[in-house]
Amino acid sequence: MKTKFASILLIPMALSLSACGETWGERALTGGGIGAGTGLAIGALAGWPLVGPALVGAAVGAGIGAATAPEKGSSK
């Protein structure tokens, strides 16, 4: 029951925030936030300590957000 409830809340929230930011810094920041929240949720559902998964999620999310930032000269 907890897993279904968390999924119902987290998936739409993550999808709505996934395209936030146009610059490298904005994408890294929002990606880090999404990653931290996802890591925290996974850690809580799995019964792990919460700090480690949140930090790993934040680092991975920030890296992916920064890597997927649009180039300055792109047409978007």
PDB file of N, CA and C in Angstrom:
ATOM      1  N   MET A   1       0.826  -1.197   0.000  1.00  0.00           N
ATOM      2  CA  MET A   1       0.000   0.000   0.000  1.00  0.00           C
ATOM      3  C   MET A   1       0.873   1.264   0.000  1.00  0.00           C
ATOM      4  N   LYS A   2       1.921   1.270   0.842  1.00  0.00           N
ATOM      5  CA  LYS A   2       2.805   2.431   0.891  1.00  0.00           C
ATOM      6  C   LYS A   2       3.491   2.670  -0.446  1.00  0.00           C
ATOM      7  N   THR A   3       3.926   1.595  -1.080  1.00  0.00           N
ATOM      8  CA  THR A   3       4.629   1.708  -2.360  1.00  0.00           C
ATOM      9  C   THR A   3       3.724   2.294  -3.432  1.00  0.00           C
ATOM     10  N   LYS A   4       2.506   1.839  -3.496  1.00  0.00           N
ATOM     11  CA  LYS A   4       1.565   2.358  -4.494  1.00  0.00           C
ATOM     12  C   LYS A   4       1.276   3.835  -4.249  1.00  0.00           C
ATOM     13  N   PHE A   5       1.090   4.202  -3.001  1.00  0.00           N
ATOM     14  CA  PHE A   5       0.812   5.596  -2.665  1.00  0.00           C
ATOM     15  C   PHE A   5       1.987   6.491  -3.038  1.00  0.00           C
ATOM     16  N   ALA A   6       3.200   6.037  -2.701  1.00  0.00           N
ATOM     17  CA  ALA A   6       4.394   6.816  -3.040  1.00  0.00           C
ATOM     18  C   ALA A   6       4.558   6.943  -4.542  1.00  0.00           C
ATOM     19  N   SER A   7       4.290   5.871  -5.272  1.00  0.00           N
ATOM     20  CA  SER A   7       4.404   5.912  -6.732  1.00  0.00           C
ATOM     21  C   SER A   7       3.400   6.876  -7.346  1.00  0.00           C
ATOM     22  N   ILE A   8       2.210   6.861  -6.819  1.00  0.00           N
ATOM     23  CA  ILE A   8       1.168   7.746  -7.338  1.00  0.00           C
ATOM     24  C   ILE A   8       1.560   9.210  -7.132  1.00  0.00           C
ATOM     25  N   LEU A   9       2.247   9.521  -6.049  1.00  0.00           N
ATOM     26  CA  LEU A   9       2.663  10.895  -5.782  1.00  0.00           C
ATOM     27  C   LEU A   9       3.959  11.272  -6.490  1.00  0.00           C
ATOM     28  N   LEU A  10       4.953  10.390  -6.478  1.00  0.00           N
ATOM     29  CA  LEU A  10       6.291  10.745  -6.945  1.00  0.00           C
ATOM     30  C   LEU A  10       6.441  10.757  -8.462  1.00  0.00           C
ATOM     31  N   ILE A  11       5.828   9.830  -9.144  1.00  0.00           N
ATOM     32  CA  ILE A  11       6.015   9.750 -10.601  1.00  0.00           C
ATOM     33  C   ILE A  11       5.494  11.003 -11.312  1.00  0.00           C
ATOM     34  N   PRO A  12       4.263  11.440 -11.063  1.00  0.00           N
ATOM     35  CA  PRO A  12       3.824  12.674 -11.743  1.00  0.00           C
ATOM     36  C   PRO A  12       4.645  13.899 -11.351  1.00  0.00           C
ATOM     37  N   MET A  13       5.076  13.971 -10.076  1.00  0.00           N
ATOM     38  CA  MET A  13       5.874  15.106  -9.646  1.00  0.00           C
ATOM     39  C   MET A  13       7.228  15.126 -10.362  1.00  0.00           C
ATOM     40  N   ALA A  14       7.853  13.968 -10.467  1.00  0.00           N
ATOM     41  CA  ALA A  14       9.146  13.894 -11.147  1.00  0.00           C
ATOM     42  C   ALA A  14       9.004  14.231 -12.624  1.00  0.00           C
ATOM     43  N   LEU A  15       7.953  13.747 -13.253  1.00  0.00           N
ATOM     44  CA  LEU A  15       7.753  14.043 -14.669  1.00  0.00           C
ATOM     45  C   LEU A  15       7.455  15.521 -14.902  1.00  0.00           C
ATOM     46  N   SER A  16       6.743  16.151 -13.996  1.00  0.00           N
ATOM     47  CA  SER A  16       6.425  17.567 -14.184  1.00  0.00           C
ATOM     48  C   SER A  16       7.654  18.448 -13.997  1.00  0.00           C
ATOM     49  N   LEU A  17       8.625  18.009 -13.211  1.00  0.00           N
ATOM     50  CA  LEU A  17       9.828  18.787 -12.978  1.00  0.00           C
ATOM     51  C   LEU A  17      10.978  18.421 -13.900  1.00  0.00           C
ATOM     52  N   SER A  18      10.819  17.376 -14.682  1.00  0.00           N
ATOM     53  CA  SER A  18      11.951  16.849 -15.446  1.00  0.00           C
ATOM     54  C   SER A  18      12.449  17.791 -16.533  1.00  0.00           C
ATOM     55  N   ALA A  19      11.625  18.688 -17.009  1.00  0.00           N
ATOM     56  CA  ALA A  19      12.045  19.578 -18.086  1.00  0.00           C
ATOM     57  C   ALA A  19      12.326  20.992 -17.588  1.00  0.00           C
ATOM     58  N   CYS A  20      12.461  21.173 -16.295  1.00  0.00           N
ATOM     59  CA  CYS A  20      12.692  22.507 -15.748  1.00  0.00           C
ATOM     60  C   CYS A  20      14.118  22.972 -16.010  1.00  0.00           C
ATOM     61  N   GLY A  21      14.244  24.182 -16.414  1.00  0.00           N
ATOM     62  CA  GLY A  21      15.557  24.791 -16.586  1.00  0.00           C
ATOM     63  C   GLY A  21      16.027  24.786 -18.020  1.00  0.00           C
ATOM     64  N   GLU A  22      16.626  25.890 -18.411  1.00  0.00           N
ATOM     65  CA  GLU A  22      17.157  26.010 -19.767  1.00  0.00           C
ATOM     66  C   GLU A  22      18.670  26.121 -19.775  1.00  0.00           C
ATOM     67  N   THR A  23      19.255  26.584 -18.677  1.00  0.00           N
ATOM     68  CA  THR A  23      20.703  26.712 -18.626  1.00  0.00           C
ATOM     69  C   THR A  23      21.316  25.494 -17.945  1.00  0.00           C
ATOM     70  N   TRP A  24      22.645  25.397 -18.052  1.00  0.00           N
ATOM     71  CA  TRP A  24      23.374  24.293 -17.444  1.00  0.00           C
ATOM     72  C   TRP A  24      23.128  24.242 -15.936  1.00  0.00           C
ATOM     73  N   GLY A  25      23.204  25.376 -15.269  1.00  0.00           N
ATOM     74  CA  GLY A  25      23.028  25.436 -13.821  1.00  0.00           C
ATOM     75  C   GLY A  25      21.624  25.098 -13.374  1.00  0.00           C
ATOM     76  N   GLU A  26      20.627  25.607 -14.099  1.00  0.00           N
ATOM     77  CA  GLU A  26      19.240  25.308 -13.761  1.00  0.00           C
ATOM     78  C   GLU A  26      18.951  23.820 -13.907  1.00  0.00           C
ATOM     79  N   ARG A  27      19.448  23.236 -14.995  1.00  0.00           N
ATOM     80  CA  ARG A  27      19.229  21.801 -15.215  1.00  0.00           C
ATOM     81  C   ARG A  27      19.928  20.967 -14.145  1.00  0.00           C
ATOM     82  N   ALA A  28      21.141  21.362 -13.757  1.00  0.00           N
ATOM     83  CA  ALA A  28      21.857  20.630 -12.706  1.00  0.00           C
ATOM     84  C   ALA A  28      21.118  20.738 -11.373  1.00  0.00           C
ATOM     85  N   LEU A  29      20.613  21.909 -11.061  1.00  0.00           N
ATOM     86  CA  LEU A  29      19.910  22.124  -9.806  1.00  0.00           C
ATOM     87  C   LEU A  29      18.606  21.330  -9.742  1.00  0.00           C
ATOM     88  N   THR A  30      17.797  21.416 -10.786  1.00  0.00           N
ATOM     89  CA  THR A  30      16.538  20.672 -10.769  1.00  0.00           C
ATOM     90  C   THR A  30      16.787  19.165 -10.847  1.00  0.00           C
ATOM     91  N   GLY A  31      17.776  18.757 -11.610  1.00  0.00           N
ATOM     92  CA  GLY A  31      18.120  17.341 -11.663  1.00  0.00           C
ATOM     93  C   GLY A  31      18.583  16.813 -10.323  1.00  0.00           C
ATOM     94  N   GLY A  32      19.369  17.624  -9.616  1.00  0.00           N
ATOM     95  CA  GLY A  32      19.813  17.240  -8.282  1.00  0.00           C
ATOM     96  C   GLY A  32      18.655  17.118  -7.306  1.00  0.00           C
ATOM     97  N   GLY A  33      17.708  18.028  -7.402  1.00  0.00           N
ATOM     98  CA  GLY A  33      16.530  17.971  -6.535  1.00  0.00           C
ATOM     99  C   GLY A  33      15.674  16.745  -6.802  1.00  0.00           C
ATOM    100  N   ILE A  34      15.467  16.459  -8.070  1.00  0.00           N
ATOM    101  CA  ILE A  34      14.693  15.275  -8.432  1.00  0.00           C
ATOM    102  C   ILE A  34      15.423  14.013  -7.999  1.00  0.00           C
ATOM    103  N   GLY A  35      16.728  13.980  -8.215  1.00  0.00           N
ATOM    104  CA  GLY A  35      17.510  12.815  -7.813  1.00  0.00           C
ATOM    105  C   GLY A  35      17.514  12.602  -6.310  1.00  0.00           C
ATOM    106  N   ALA A  36      17.632  13.687  -5.548  1.00  0.00           N
ATOM    107  CA  ALA A  36      17.613  13.577  -4.089  1.00  0.00           C
ATOM    108  C   ALA A  36      16.271  13.058  -3.595  1.00  0.00           C
ATOM    109  N   GLY A  37      15.208  13.573  -4.158  1.00  0.00           N
ATOM    110  CA  GLY A  37      13.877  13.099  -3.775  1.00  0.00           C
ATOM    111  C   GLY A  37      13.649  11.644  -4.131  1.00  0.00           C
ATOM    112  N   THR A  38      14.117  11.257  -5.300  1.00  0.00           N
ATOM    113  CA  THR A  38      13.975   9.868  -5.721  1.00  0.00           C
ATOM    114  C   THR A  38      14.812   8.945  -4.841  1.00  0.00           C
ATOM    115  N   GLY A  39      16.052   9.338  -4.559  1.00  0.00           N
ATOM    116  CA  GLY A  39      16.899   8.541  -3.682  1.00  0.00           C
ATOM    117  C   GLY A  39      16.317   8.417  -2.288  1.00  0.00           C
ATOM    118  N   LEU A  40      15.763   9.498  -1.780  1.00  0.00           N
ATOM    119  CA  LEU A  40      15.135   9.491  -0.470  1.00  0.00           C
ATOM    120  C   LEU A  40      13.934   8.549  -0.451  1.00  0.00           C
ATOM    121  N   ALA A  41      13.115   8.604  -1.488  1.00  0.00           N
ATOM    122  CA  ALA A  41      11.940   7.733  -1.558  1.00  0.00           C
ATOM    123  C   ALA A  41      12.347   6.266  -1.657  1.00  0.00           C
ATOM    124  N   ILE A  42      13.332   5.970  -2.483  1.00  0.00           N
ATOM    125  CA  ILE A  42      13.782   4.588  -2.621  1.00  0.00           C
ATOM    126  C   ILE A  42      14.375   4.092  -1.306  1.00  0.00           C
ATOM    127  N   GLY A  43      15.189   4.919  -0.660  1.00  0.00           N
ATOM    128  CA  GLY A  43      15.760   4.535   0.627  1.00  0.00           C
ATOM    129  C   GLY A  43      14.694   4.291   1.683  1.00  0.00           C
ATOM    130  N   ALA A  44      13.665   5.140   1.717  1.00  0.00           N
ATOM    131  CA  ALA A  44      12.595   4.984   2.694  1.00  0.00           C
ATOM    132  C   ALA A  44      11.782   3.721   2.435  1.00  0.00           C
ATOM    133  N   LEU A  45      11.471   3.466   1.180  1.00  0.00           N
ATOM    134  CA  LEU A  45      10.684   2.273   0.855  1.00  0.00           C
ATOM    135  C   LEU A  45      11.469   0.990   1.073  1.00  0.00           C
ATOM    136  N   ALA A  46      12.783   1.043   0.874  1.00  0.00           N
ATOM    137  CA  ALA A  46      13.609  -0.148   1.050  1.00  0.00           C
ATOM    138  C   ALA A  46      14.031  -0.345   2.501  1.00  0.00           C
ATOM    139  N   GLY A  47      13.813   0.644   3.353  1.00  0.00           N
ATOM    140  CA  GLY A  47      14.198   0.535   4.746  1.00  0.00           C
ATOM    141  C   GLY A  47      15.664   0.838   4.999  1.00  0.00           C
ATOM    142  N   TRP A  48      16.319   1.517   4.083  1.00  0.00           N
ATOM    143  CA  TRP A  48      17.734   1.877   4.218  1.00  0.00           C
ATOM    144  C   TRP A  48      17.853   3.179   4.997  1.00  0.00           C
ATOM    145  N   PRO A  49      19.067   3.495   5.473  1.00  0.00           N
ATOM    146  CA  PRO A  49      19.292   4.837   6.018  1.00  0.00           C
ATOM    147  C   PRO A  49      19.041   5.871   4.910  1.00  0.00           C
ATOM    148  N   LEU A  50      18.518   7.018   5.243  1.00  0.00           N
ATOM    149  CA  LEU A  50      18.020   7.941   4.217  1.00  0.00           C
ATOM    150  C   LEU A  50      19.073   8.866   3.612  1.00  0.00           C
ATOM    151  N   VAL A  51      20.127   9.167   4.328  1.00  0.00           N
ATOM    152  CA  VAL A  51      21.083  10.161   3.845  1.00  0.00           C
ATOM    153  C   VAL A  51      21.860   9.662   2.627  1.00  0.00           C
ATOM    154  N   GLY A  52      22.342   8.444   2.671  1.00  0.00           N
ATOM    155  CA  GLY A  52      23.156   7.908   1.570  1.00  0.00           C
ATOM    156  C   GLY A  52      22.427   7.898   0.228  1.00  0.00           C
ATOM    157  N   PRO A  53      21.237   7.277   0.152  1.00  0.00           N
ATOM    158  CA  PRO A  53      20.519   7.276  -1.129  1.00  0.00           C
ATOM    159  C   PRO A  53      20.152   8.673  -1.615  1.00  0.00           C
ATOM    160  N   ALA A  54      19.852   9.586  -0.701  1.00  0.00           N
ATOM    161  CA  ALA A  54      19.518  10.955  -1.105  1.00  0.00           C
ATOM    162  C   ALA A  54      20.733  11.661  -1.704  1.00  0.00           C
ATOM    163  N   LEU A  55      21.907  11.468  -1.100  1.00  0.00           N
ATOM    164  CA  LEU A  55      23.124  12.101  -1.626  1.00  0.00           C
ATOM    165  C   LEU A  55      23.529  11.514  -2.975  1.00  0.00           C
ATOM    166  N   VAL A  56      23.448  10.199  -3.091  1.00  0.00           N
ATOM    167  CA  VAL A  56      23.783   9.563  -4.370  1.00  0.00           C
ATOM    168  C   VAL A  56      22.794  10.002  -5.441  1.00  0.00           C
ATOM    169  N   GLY A  57      21.508  10.040  -5.113  1.00  0.00           N
ATOM    170  CA  GLY A  57      20.500  10.482  -6.065  1.00  0.00           C
ATOM    171  C   GLY A  57      20.709  11.921  -6.499  1.00  0.00           C
ATOM    172  N   ALA A  58      21.089  12.777  -5.554  1.00  0.00           N
ATOM    173  CA  ALA A  58      21.338  14.182  -5.882  1.00  0.00           C
ATOM    174  C   ALA A  58      22.530  14.323  -6.822  1.00  0.00           C
ATOM    175  N   ALA A  59      23.597  13.570  -6.558  1.00  0.00           N
ATOM    176  CA  ALA A  59      24.788  13.646  -7.410  1.00  0.00           C
ATOM    177  C   ALA A  59      24.502  13.135  -8.814  1.00  0.00           C
ATOM    178  N   VAL A  60      23.820  12.006  -8.897  1.00  0.00           N
ATOM    179  CA  VAL A  60      23.502  11.441 -10.216  1.00  0.00           C
ATOM    180  C   VAL A  60      22.530  12.351 -10.962  1.00  0.00           C
ATOM    181  N   GLY A  61      21.504  12.840 -10.280  1.00  0.00           N
ATOM    182  CA  GLY A  61      20.531  13.727 -10.917  1.00  0.00           C
ATOM    183  C   GLY A  61      21.148  15.027 -11.404  1.00  0.00           C
ATOM    184  N   ALA A  62      22.043  15.600 -10.605  1.00  0.00           N
ATOM    185  CA  ALA A  62      22.713  16.838 -11.019  1.00  0.00           C
ATOM    186  C   ALA A  62      23.594  16.597 -12.237  1.00  0.00           C
ATOM    187  N   GLY A  63      24.287  15.475 -12.243  1.00  0.00           N
ATOM    188  CA  GLY A  63      25.134  15.138 -13.392  1.00  0.00           C
ATOM    189  C   GLY A  63      24.333  14.941 -14.658  1.00  0.00           C
ATOM    190  N   ILE A  64      23.235  14.231 -14.556  1.00  0.00           N
ATOM    191  CA  ILE A  64      22.391  13.999 -15.733  1.00  0.00           C
ATOM    192  C   ILE A  64      21.741  15.301 -16.187  1.00  0.00           C
ATOM    193  N   GLY A  65      21.273  16.109 -15.242  1.00  0.00           N
ATOM    194  CA  GLY A  65      20.675  17.393 -15.602  1.00  0.00           C
ATOM    195  C   GLY A  65      21.657  18.302 -16.318  1.00  0.00           C
ATOM    196  N   ALA A  66      22.881  18.353 -15.820  1.00  0.00           N
ATOM    197  CA  ALA A  66      23.897  19.193 -16.457  1.00  0.00           C
ATOM    198  C   ALA A  66      24.287  18.653 -17.822  1.00  0.00           C
ATOM    199  N   ALA A  67      24.354  17.341 -17.945  1.00  0.00           N
ATOM    200  CA  ALA A  67      24.753  16.734 -19.221  1.00  0.00           C
ATOM    201  C   ALA A  67      23.694  16.888 -20.300  1.00  0.00           C
ATOM    202  N   THR A  68      22.446  17.041 -19.911  1.00  0.00           N
ATOM    203  CA  THR A  68      21.372  17.144 -20.898  1.00  0.00           C
ATOM    204  C   THR A  68      20.936  18.576 -21.157  1.00  0.00           C
ATOM    205  N   ALA A  69      21.691  19.542 -20.656  1.00  0.00           N
ATOM    206  CA  ALA A  69      21.349  20.952 -20.906  1.00  0.00           C
ATOM    207  C   ALA A  69      21.511  21.267 -22.390  1.00  0.00           C
ATOM    208  N   PRO A  70      20.592  22.047 -22.934  1.00  0.00           N
ATOM    209  CA  PRO A  70      20.716  22.400 -24.343  1.00  0.00           C
ATOM    210  C   PRO A  70      21.939  23.282 -24.585  1.00  0.00           C
ATOM    211  N   GLU A  71      22.493  23.156 -25.767  1.00  0.00           N
ATOM    212  CA  GLU A  71      23.651  23.978 -26.125  1.00  0.00           C
ATOM    213  C   GLU A  71      23.199  25.420 -26.330  1.00  0.00           C
ATOM    214  N   LYS A  72      24.123  26.355 -26.153  1.00  0.00           N
ATOM    215  CA  LYS A  72      23.776  27.776 -26.244  1.00  0.00           C
ATOM    216  C   LYS A  72      23.269  28.180 -27.625  1.00  0.00           C
ATOM    217  N   GLY A  73      23.805  27.615 -28.654  1.00  0.00           N
ATOM    218  CA  GLY A  73      23.436  28.020 -29.994  1.00  0.00           C
ATOM    219  C   GLY A  73      22.326  27.193 -30.620  1.00  0.00           C
ATOM    220  N   SER A  74      21.645  26.367 -29.819  1.00  0.00           N
ATOM    221  CA  SER A  74      20.616  25.496 -30.395  1.00  0.00           C
ATOM    222  C   SER A  74      19.345  26.294 -30.712  1.00  0.00           C
ATOM    223  N   SER A  75      18.506  25.730 -31.546  1.00  0.00           N
ATOM    224  CA  SER A  75      17.310  26.426 -31.994  1.00  0.00           C
ATOM    225  C   SER A  75      16.173  26.339 -30.995  1.00  0.00           C
ATOM    226  N   LYS A  76      16.291  25.560 -29.938  1.00  0.00           N
ATOM    227  CA  LYS A  76      15.239  25.466 -28.928  1.00  0.00           C
ATOM    228  C   LYS A  76      15.357  26.651 -28.071  1.00  0.00           C
TER     229      LYS A  76
END
